[in-house]
Every structure is written in C-alpha cells, then in structure tokens.
C-alpha cells in the first residue's frame, strides 16, 4: 500500500551518497517556492523509520528552503527490501 503524506525532513534517512546538480536544485527551489512540490519523493517505511533513495534534488531544495517537511509517496517495506536497496 502506498500513501502520500508530509514527513519531517529530519526523520528521513538517506543512506546512500548522491551527487546533485546545483543548477537543478536552484531551479527546483524557485519552482517549489512558487508552486509547492508537484511530484512527491518516494520513501520506504521500514519498522517505523523512513528511508529515501531517490528525489535527492527535491530533498536538497527543501533543505535549502528551510522547509520542515516534504511531500512523500510512502511505501511500506520489510527489512529485506531495505537491504536490497542498500546493496
């Protein structure tokens, strides 16, 4: 089951390092400031903890805008699914 909800940025773990394009983040910041986030980031919820593996530009744009939360598409997952994402 997938749900859409606002999650505090500080509760989202981003276990894999990502490179972001500063220009893309800046463009997203401008868009988000005017229109809000159009496309939620995908998050896995495993045993009550949130993990993000995509949406790094949107996530960073929210951080730079000092947003407390981000709109997420949350999918419940098991520890074994999380382990596959980390492999």
PDB file of N, CA and C in Angstrom:
ATOM      1  N   UNK A   1       0.834  -1.180   0.000  1.00  0.00           N
ATOM      2  CA  UNK A   1       0.000   0.000   0.000  1.00  0.00           C
ATOM      3  C   UNK A   1       0.882   1.248   0.000  1.00  0.00           C
ATOM      4  N   UNK A   2       0.503   2.216  -0.793  1.00  0.00           N
ATOM      5  CA  UNK A   2       1.245   3.470  -0.902  1.00  0.00           C
ATOM      6  C   UNK A   2       0.364   4.605  -0.401  1.00  0.00           C
ATOM      7  N   UNK A   3       0.937   5.479   0.432  1.00  0.00           N
ATOM      8  CA  UNK A   3       0.214   6.648   0.911  1.00  0.00           C
ATOM      9  C   UNK A   3       1.034   7.900   0.618  1.00  0.00           C
ATOM     10  N   UNK A   4       0.352   9.028   0.516  1.00  0.00           N
ATOM     11  CA  UNK A   4       1.017  10.317   0.330  1.00  0.00           C
ATOM     12  C   UNK A   4       0.889  11.073   1.643  1.00  0.00           C
ATOM     13  N   UNK A   5       2.024  11.522   2.178  1.00  0.00           N
ATOM     14  CA  UNK A   5       1.963  12.314   3.407  1.00  0.00           C
ATOM     15  C   UNK A   5       3.204  13.190   3.539  1.00  0.00           C
ATOM     16  N   UNK A   6       3.051  14.221   4.356  1.00  0.00           N
ATOM     17  CA  UNK A   6       4.152  15.129   4.664  1.00  0.00           C
ATOM     18  C   UNK A   6       4.977  14.495   5.787  1.00  0.00           C
ATOM     19  N   UNK A   7       6.277  14.417   5.567  1.00  0.00           N
ATOM     20  CA  UNK A   7       7.173  13.837   6.574  1.00  0.00           C
ATOM     21  C   UNK A   7       8.243  14.875   6.900  1.00  0.00           C
ATOM     22  N   UNK A   8       8.567  15.041   8.185  1.00  0.00           N
ATOM     23  CA  UNK A   8       9.655  15.955   8.538  1.00  0.00           C
ATOM     24  C   UNK A   8      10.963  15.504   7.885  1.00  0.00           C
ATOM     25  N   UNK A   9      11.671  16.473   7.302  1.00  0.00           N
ATOM     26  CA  UNK A   9      12.948  16.156   6.645  1.00  0.00           C
ATOM     27  C   UNK A   9      13.902  15.440   7.587  1.00  0.00           C
ATOM     28  N   UNK A  10      13.932  15.853   8.839  1.00  0.00           N
ATOM     29  CA  UNK A  10      14.877  15.269   9.793  1.00  0.00           C
ATOM     30  C   UNK A  10      14.590  13.805  10.104  1.00  0.00           C
ATOM     31  N   UNK A  11      13.401  13.326   9.762  1.00  0.00           N
ATOM     32  CA  UNK A  11      13.069  11.921  10.017  1.00  0.00           C
ATOM     33  C   UNK A  11      13.423  11.006   8.846  1.00  0.00           C
ATOM     34  N   UNK A  12      13.855  11.586   7.737  1.00  0.00           N
ATOM     35  CA  UNK A  12      14.153  10.780   6.552  1.00  0.00           C
ATOM     36  C   UNK A  12      15.641  10.480   6.503  1.00  0.00           C
ATOM     37  N   UNK A  13      15.955   9.205   6.491  1.00  0.00           N
ATOM     38  CA  UNK A  13      17.349   8.757   6.386  1.00  0.00           C
ATOM     39  C   UNK A  13      17.689   8.607   4.913  1.00  0.00           C
ATOM     40  N   UNK A  14      18.840   9.107   4.533  1.00  0.00           N
ATOM     41  CA  UNK A  14      19.308   8.994   3.145  1.00  0.00           C
ATOM     42  C   UNK A  14      20.649   8.261   3.198  1.00  0.00           C
ATOM     43  N   UNK A  15      20.609   6.922   3.224  1.00  0.00           N
ATOM     44  CA  UNK A  15      21.807   6.129   3.481  1.00  0.00           C
ATOM     45  C   UNK A  15      22.835   6.080   2.350  1.00  0.00           C
ATOM     46  N   UNK A  16      22.436   6.446   1.128  1.00  0.00           N
ATOM     47  CA  UNK A  16      23.386   6.379   0.018  1.00  0.00           C
ATOM     48  C   UNK A  16      23.788   7.787  -0.396  1.00  0.00           C
ATOM     49  N   UNK A  17      25.087   8.018  -0.590  1.00  0.00           N
ATOM     50  CA  UNK A  17      25.517   9.351  -1.028  1.00  0.00           C
ATOM     51  C   UNK A  17      25.045   9.624  -2.453  1.00  0.00           C
ATOM     52  N   UNK A  18      24.639  10.845  -2.691  1.00  0.00           N
ATOM     53  CA  UNK A  18      24.171  11.255  -4.021  1.00  0.00           C
ATOM     54  C   UNK A  18      24.875  12.539  -4.418  1.00  0.00           C
ATOM     55  N   UNK A  19      25.119  12.682  -5.697  1.00  0.00           N
ATOM     56  CA  UNK A  19      25.635  13.925  -6.247  1.00  0.00           C
ATOM     57  C   UNK A  19      24.452  14.710  -6.780  1.00  0.00           C
ATOM     58  N   UNK A  20      24.415  16.006  -6.494  1.00  0.00           N
ATOM     59  CA  UNK A  20      23.337  16.824  -7.026  1.00  0.00           C
ATOM     60  C   UNK A  20      23.913  17.911  -7.914  1.00  0.00           C
ATOM     61  N   UNK A  21      23.101  18.338  -8.850  1.00  0.00           N
ATOM     62  CA  UNK A  21      23.439  19.425  -9.761  1.00  0.00           C
ATOM     63  C   UNK A  21      22.904  20.709  -9.124  1.00  0.00           C
ATOM     64  N   UNK A  22      23.798  21.610  -8.755  1.00  0.00           N
ATOM     65  CA  UNK A  22      23.415  22.835  -8.052  1.00  0.00           C
ATOM     66  C   UNK A  22      22.412  23.671  -8.846  1.00  0.00           C
ATOM     67  N   UNK A  23      22.580  23.717 -10.178  1.00  0.00           N
ATOM     68  CA  UNK A  23      21.645  24.479 -11.007  1.00  0.00           C
ATOM     69  C   UNK A  23      20.248  23.879 -10.958  1.00  0.00           C
ATOM     70  N   UNK A  24      20.172  22.560 -10.986  1.00  0.00           N
ATOM     71  CA  UNK A  24      18.874  21.887 -10.925  1.00  0.00           C
ATOM     72  C   UNK A  24      18.213  22.140  -9.570  1.00  0.00           C
ATOM     73  N   UNK A  25      19.004  22.100  -8.503  1.00  0.00           N
ATOM     74  CA  UNK A  25      18.456  22.357  -7.165  1.00  0.00           C
ATOM     75  C   UNK A  25      17.918  23.788  -7.092  1.00  0.00           C
ATOM     76  N   UNK A  26      18.661  24.740  -7.645  1.00  0.00           N
ATOM     77  CA  UNK A  26      18.228  26.138  -7.638  1.00  0.00           C
ATOM     78  C   UNK A  26      16.922  26.307  -8.410  1.00  0.00           C
ATOM     79  N   UNK A  27      16.812  25.664  -9.569  1.00  0.00           N
ATOM     80  CA  UNK A  27      15.577  25.740 -10.352  1.00  0.00           C
ATOM     81  C   UNK A  27      14.399  25.134  -9.583  1.00  0.00           C
ATOM     82  N   UNK A  28      14.651  24.017  -8.929  1.00  0.00           N
ATOM     83  CA  UNK A  28      13.596  23.386  -8.124  1.00  0.00           C
ATOM     84  C   UNK A  28      13.192  24.278  -6.953  1.00  0.00           C
ATOM     85  N   UNK A  29      14.163  24.927  -6.339  1.00  0.00           N
ATOM     86  CA  UNK A  29      13.850  25.835  -5.227  1.00  0.00           C
ATOM     87  C   UNK A  29      12.899  26.930  -5.684  1.00  0.00           C
ATOM     88  N   UNK A  30      13.164  27.497  -6.846  1.00  0.00           N
ATOM     89  CA  UNK A  30      12.302  28.550  -7.381  1.00  0.00           C
ATOM     90  C   UNK A  30      10.895  28.013  -7.641  1.00  0.00           C
ATOM     91  N   UNK A  31      10.813  26.852  -8.258  1.00  0.00           N
ATOM     92  CA  UNK A  31       9.523  26.241  -8.564  1.00  0.00           C
ATOM     93  C   UNK A  31       8.760  25.888  -7.286  1.00  0.00           C
ATOM     94  N   UNK A  32       9.432  25.277  -6.323  1.00  0.00           N
ATOM     95  CA  UNK A  32       8.796  24.860  -5.073  1.00  0.00           C
ATOM     96  C   UNK A  32       8.317  26.076  -4.287  1.00  0.00           C
ATOM     97  N   UNK A  33       9.107  27.158  -4.292  1.00  0.00           N
ATOM     98  CA  UNK A  33       8.722  28.372  -3.564  1.00  0.00           C
ATOM     99  C   UNK A  33       7.431  28.966  -4.130  1.00  0.00           C
ATOM    100  N   UNK A  34       7.234  28.837  -5.438  1.00  0.00           N
ATOM    101  CA  UNK A  34       6.053  29.414  -6.089  1.00  0.00           C
ATOM    102  C   UNK A  34       4.873  28.442  -6.090  1.00  0.00           C
ATOM    103  N   UNK A  35       5.114  27.200  -6.507  1.00  0.00           N
ATOM    104  CA  UNK A  35       4.027  26.237  -6.740  1.00  0.00           C
ATOM    105  C   UNK A  35       3.918  25.135  -5.698  1.00  0.00           C
ATOM    106  N   UNK A  36       4.921  24.969  -4.881  1.00  0.00           N
ATOM    107  CA  UNK A  36       4.958  23.817  -3.997  1.00  0.00           C
ATOM    108  C   UNK A  36       5.536  22.627  -4.754  1.00  0.00           C
ATOM    109  N   UNK A  37       5.694  21.534  -4.072  1.00  0.00           N
ATOM    110  CA  UNK A  37       6.259  20.333  -4.679  1.00  0.00           C
ATOM    111  C   UNK A  37       5.196  19.624  -5.506  1.00  0.00           C
ATOM    112  N   UNK A  38       5.450  19.460  -6.793  1.00  0.00           N
ATOM    113  CA  UNK A  38       4.471  18.811  -7.685  1.00  0.00           C
ATOM    114  C   UNK A  38       4.511  17.295  -7.556  1.00  0.00           C
ATOM    115  N   UNK A  39       5.714  16.743  -7.526  1.00  0.00           N
ATOM    116  CA  UNK A  39       5.880  15.282  -7.511  1.00  0.00           C
ATOM    117  C   UNK A  39       6.493  14.847  -6.176  1.00  0.00           C
ATOM    118  N   UNK A  40       5.753  14.074  -5.364  1.00  0.00           N
ATOM    119  CA  UNK A  40       6.296  13.623  -4.083  1.00  0.00           C
ATOM    120  C   UNK A  40       7.558  12.773  -4.276  1.00  0.00           C
ATOM    121  N   UNK A  41       8.415  12.760  -3.261  1.00  0.00           N
ATOM    122  CA  UNK A  41       9.585  11.880  -3.290  1.00  0.00           C
ATOM    123  C   UNK A  41       9.147  10.500  -2.820  1.00  0.00           C
ATOM    124  N   UNK A  42       9.817   9.477  -3.298  1.00  0.00           N
ATOM    125  CA  UNK A  42       9.500   8.098  -2.910  1.00  0.00           C
ATOM    126  C   UNK A  42      10.278   7.725  -1.659  1.00  0.00           C
ATOM    127  N   UNK A  43       9.557   7.203  -0.690  1.00  0.00           N
ATOM    128  CA  UNK A  43      10.133   6.852   0.607  1.00  0.00           C
ATOM    129  C   UNK A  43       9.715   5.422   0.965  1.00  0.00           C
ATOM    130  N   UNK A  44      10.643   4.683   1.529  1.00  0.00           N
ATOM    131  CA  UNK A  44      10.315   3.371   2.109  1.00  0.00           C
ATOM    132  C   UNK A  44      10.133   3.558   3.609  1.00  0.00           C
ATOM    133  N   UNK A  45       9.089   2.977   4.159  1.00  0.00           N
ATOM    134  CA  UNK A  45       8.918   2.953   5.608  1.00  0.00           C
ATOM    135  C   UNK A  45       9.183   1.537   6.074  1.00  0.00           C
ATOM    136  N   UNK A  46      10.218   1.390   6.880  1.00  0.00           N
ATOM    137  CA  UNK A  46      10.619   0.084   7.389  1.00  0.00           C
ATOM    138  C   UNK A  46      10.653   0.165   8.909  1.00  0.00           C
ATOM    139  N   UNK A  47       9.771  -0.587   9.541  1.00  0.00           N
ATOM    140  CA  UNK A  47       9.699  -0.637  11.007  1.00  0.00           C
ATOM    141  C   UNK A  47       9.624   0.762  11.613  1.00  0.00           C
ATOM    142  N   UNK A  48       8.792   1.620  11.006  1.00  0.00           N
ATOM    143  CA  UNK A  48       8.563   2.964  11.540  1.00  0.00           C
ATOM    144  C   UNK A  48       9.614   4.000  11.196  1.00  0.00           C
ATOM    145  N   UNK A  49      10.615   3.607  10.425  1.00  0.00           N
ATOM    146  CA  UNK A  49      11.670   4.544  10.016  1.00  0.00           C
ATOM    147  C   UNK A  49      11.554   4.787   8.520  1.00  0.00           C
ATOM    148  N   UNK A  50      11.881   6.023   8.104  1.00  0.00           N
ATOM    149  CA  UNK A  50      11.747   6.431   6.710  1.00  0.00           C
ATOM    150  C   UNK A  50      13.106   6.472   6.018  1.00  0.00           C
ATOM    151  N   UNK A  51      13.154   5.915   4.805  1.00  0.00           N
ATOM    152  CA  UNK A  51      14.387   5.862   4.019  1.00  0.00           C
ATOM    153  C   UNK A  51      14.116   6.407   2.621  1.00  0.00           C
ATOM    154  N   UNK A  52      14.984   7.319   2.182  1.00  0.00           N
ATOM    155  CA  UNK A  52      14.867   7.893   0.857  1.00  0.00           C
ATOM    156  C   UNK A  52      16.050   7.513  -0.006  1.00  0.00           C
ATOM    157  N   UNK A  53      15.769   7.073  -1.227  1.00  0.00           N
ATOM    158  CA  UNK A  53      16.825   6.677  -2.154  1.00  0.00           C
ATOM    159  C   UNK A  53      16.769   7.455  -3.462  1.00  0.00           C
ATOM    160  N   UNK A  54      15.705   8.199  -3.671  1.00  0.00           N
ATOM    161  CA  UNK A  54      15.575   8.995  -4.886  1.00  0.00           C
ATOM    162  C   UNK A  54      15.087  10.381  -4.482  1.00  0.00           C
ATOM    163  N   UNK A  55      14.916  11.257  -5.465  1.00  0.00           N
ATOM    164  CA  UNK A  55      14.425  12.598  -5.160  1.00  0.00           C
ATOM    165  C   UNK A  55      15.441  13.473  -4.473  1.00  0.00           C
ATOM    166  N   UNK A  56      16.738  13.199  -4.721  1.00  0.00           N
ATOM    167  CA  UNK A  56      17.774  13.933  -3.995  1.00  0.00           C
ATOM    168  C   UNK A  56      17.757  15.434  -4.300  1.00  0.00           C
ATOM    169  N   UNK A  57      17.431  15.816  -5.535  1.00  0.00           N
ATOM    170  CA  UNK A  57      17.371  17.244  -5.865  1.00  0.00           C
ATOM    171  C   UNK A  57      16.195  17.917  -5.156  1.00  0.00           C
ATOM    172  N   UNK A  58      15.044  17.254  -5.139  1.00  0.00           N
ATOM    173  CA  UNK A  58      13.871  17.807  -4.447  1.00  0.00           C
ATOM    174  C   UNK A  58      14.126  17.881  -2.945  1.00  0.00           C
ATOM    175  N   UNK A  59      14.766  16.857  -2.399  1.00  0.00           N
ATOM    176  CA  UNK A  59      15.072  16.826  -0.975  1.00  0.00           C
ATOM    177  C   UNK A  59      16.012  17.979  -0.623  1.00  0.00           C
ATOM    178  N   UNK A  60      17.082  18.156  -1.400  1.00  0.00           N
ATOM    179  CA  UNK A  60      18.038  19.231  -1.128  1.00  0.00           C
ATOM    180  C   UNK A  60      17.390  20.608  -1.289  1.00  0.00           C
ATOM    181  N   UNK A  61      16.510  20.753  -2.283  1.00  0.00           N
ATOM    182  CA  UNK A  61      15.812  22.034  -2.470  1.00  0.00           C
ATOM    183  C   UNK A  61      14.986  22.366  -1.220  1.00  0.00           C
ATOM    184  N   UNK A  62      14.320  21.381  -0.666  1.00  0.00           N
ATOM    185  CA  UNK A  62      13.543  21.608   0.560  1.00  0.00           C
ATOM    186  C   UNK A  62      14.459  21.998   1.716  1.00  0.00           C
ATOM    187  N   UNK A  63      15.617  21.340   1.819  1.00  0.00           N
ATOM    188  CA  UNK A  63      16.560  21.686   2.876  1.00  0.00           C
ATOM    189  C   UNK A  63      17.021  23.131   2.734  1.00  0.00           C
ATOM    190  N   UNK A  64      17.396  23.530   1.530  1.00  0.00           N
ATOM    191  CA  UNK A  64      17.886  24.896   1.300  1.00  0.00           C
ATOM    192  C   UNK A  64      16.804  25.942   1.531  1.00  0.00           C
ATOM    193  N   UNK A  65      15.544  25.560   1.299  1.00  0.00           N
ATOM    194  CA  UNK A  65      14.426  26.474   1.542  1.00  0.00           C
ATOM    195  C   UNK A  65      13.997  26.483   3.018  1.00  0.00           C
ATOM    196  N   UNK A  66      14.695  25.700   3.832  1.00  0.00           N
ATOM    197  CA  UNK A  66      14.375  25.576   5.263  1.00  0.00           C
ATOM    198  C   UNK A  66      12.948  25.087   5.508  1.00  0.00           C
ATOM    199  N   UNK A  67      12.501  24.185   4.642  1.00  0.00           N
ATOM    200  CA  UNK A  67      11.187  23.570   4.824  1.00  0.00           C
ATOM    201  C   UNK A  67      11.307  22.508   5.910  1.00  0.00           C
ATOM    202  N   UNK A  68      10.295  22.414   6.744  1.00  0.00           N
ATOM    203  CA  UNK A  68      10.310  21.421   7.822  1.00  0.00           C
ATOM    204  C   UNK A  68       9.917  20.034   7.330  1.00  0.00           C
ATOM    205  N   UNK A  69       9.031  19.996   6.301  1.00  0.00           N
ATOM    206  CA  UNK A  69       8.514  18.719   5.820  1.00  0.00           C
ATOM    207  C   UNK A  69       8.612  18.658   4.300  1.00  0.00           C
ATOM    208  N   UNK A  70       8.421  17.445   3.782  1.00  0.00           N
ATOM    209  CA  UNK A  70       8.390  17.235   2.337  1.00  0.00           C
ATOM    210  C   UNK A  70       7.286  16.226   2.026  1.00  0.00           C
ATOM    211  N   UNK A  71       6.600  16.446   0.903  1.00  0.00           N
ATOM    212  CA  UNK A  71       5.530  15.533   0.494  1.00  0.00           C
ATOM    213  C   UNK A  71       6.161  14.245  -0.030  1.00  0.00           C
ATOM    214  N   UNK A  72       5.710  13.124   0.516  1.00  0.00           N
ATOM    215  CA  UNK A  72       6.309  11.828   0.195  1.00  0.00           C
ATOM    216  C   UNK A  72       5.254  10.820  -0.243  1.00  0.00           C
ATOM    217  N   UNK A  73       5.669   9.952  -1.155  1.00  0.00           N
ATOM    218  CA  UNK A  73       4.899   8.777  -1.528  1.00  0.00           C
ATOM    219  C   UNK A  73       5.535   7.642  -0.721  1.00  0.00           C
ATOM    220  N   UNK A  74       4.826   7.187   0.301  1.00  0.00           N
ATOM    221  CA  UNK A  74       5.394   6.237   1.267  1.00  0.00           C
ATOM    222  C   UNK A  74       4.908   4.831   0.970  1.00  0.00           C
ATOM    223  N   UNK A  75       5.874   3.934   0.863  1.00  0.00           N
ATOM    224  CA  UNK A  75       5.569   2.514   0.639  1.00  0.00           C
ATOM    225  C   UNK A  75       6.106   1.716   1.817  1.00  0.00           C
ATOM    226  N   UNK A  76       5.248   0.890   2.404  1.00  0.00           N
ATOM    227  CA  UNK A  76       5.660   0.015   3.493  1.00  0.00           C
ATOM    228  C   UNK A  76       6.591  -1.059   2.928  1.00  0.00           C
ATOM    229  N   UNK A  77       7.665  -1.336   3.643  1.00  0.00           N
ATOM    230  CA  UNK A  77       8.614  -2.348   3.172  1.00  0.00           C
ATOM    231  C   UNK A  77       9.167  -3.127   4.360  1.00  0.00           C
ATOM    232  N   UNK A  78       9.718  -4.280   4.045  1.00  0.00           N
ATOM    233  CA  UNK A  78      10.331  -5.137   5.067  1.00  0.00           C
ATOM    234  C   UNK A  78      11.831  -4.848   5.140  1.00  0.00           C
ATOM    235  N   UNK A  79      12.481  -5.265   6.209  1.00  0.00           N
ATOM    236  CA  UNK A  79      13.932  -5.102   6.286  1.00  0.00           C
ATOM    237  C   UNK A  79      14.673  -5.744   5.107  1.00  0.00           C
ATOM    238  N   UNK A  80      14.162  -6.849   4.573  1.00  0.00           N
ATOM    239  CA  UNK A  80      14.835  -7.489   3.438  1.00  0.00           C
ATOM    240  C   UNK A  80      14.754  -6.612   2.181  1.00  0.00           C
ATOM    241  N   UNK A  81      13.651  -5.901   1.982  1.00  0.00           N
ATOM    242  CA  UNK A  81      13.529  -4.973   0.854  1.00  0.00           C
ATOM    243  C   UNK A  81      14.524  -3.825   1.038  1.00  0.00           C
ATOM    244  N   UNK A  82      14.622  -3.302   2.249  1.00  0.00           N
ATOM    245  CA  UNK A  82      15.578  -2.233   2.533  1.00  0.00           C
ATOM    246  C   UNK A  82      16.995  -2.702   2.234  1.00  0.00           C
ATOM    247  N   UNK A  83      17.318  -3.907   2.637  1.00  0.00           N
ATOM    248  CA  UNK A  83      18.659  -4.462   2.414  1.00  0.00           C
ATOM    249  C   UNK A  83      18.979  -4.509   0.913  1.00  0.00           C
ATOM    250  N   UNK A  84      18.006  -4.856   0.085  1.00  0.00           N
ATOM    251  CA  UNK A  84      18.221  -4.884  -1.360  1.00  0.00           C
ATOM    252  C   UNK A  84      18.506  -3.482  -1.901  1.00  0.00           C
ATOM    253  N   UNK A  85      17.858  -2.465  -1.340  1.00  0.00           N
ATOM    254  CA  UNK A  85      18.112  -1.090  -1.769  1.00  0.00           C
ATOM    255  C   UNK A  85      19.516  -0.622  -1.386  1.00  0.00           C
ATOM    256  N   UNK A  86      20.043  -1.201  -0.325  1.00  0.00           N
ATOM    257  CA  UNK A  86      21.371  -0.818   0.168  1.00  0.00           C
ATOM    258  C   UNK A  86      22.498  -1.574  -0.537  1.00  0.00           C
ATOM    259  N   UNK A  87      22.149  -2.639  -1.246  1.00  0.00           N
ATOM    260  CA  UNK A  87      23.172  -3.481  -1.879  1.00  0.00           C
ATOM    261  C   UNK A  87      23.808  -2.803  -3.081  1.00  0.00           C
TER     262      UNK A  87
END
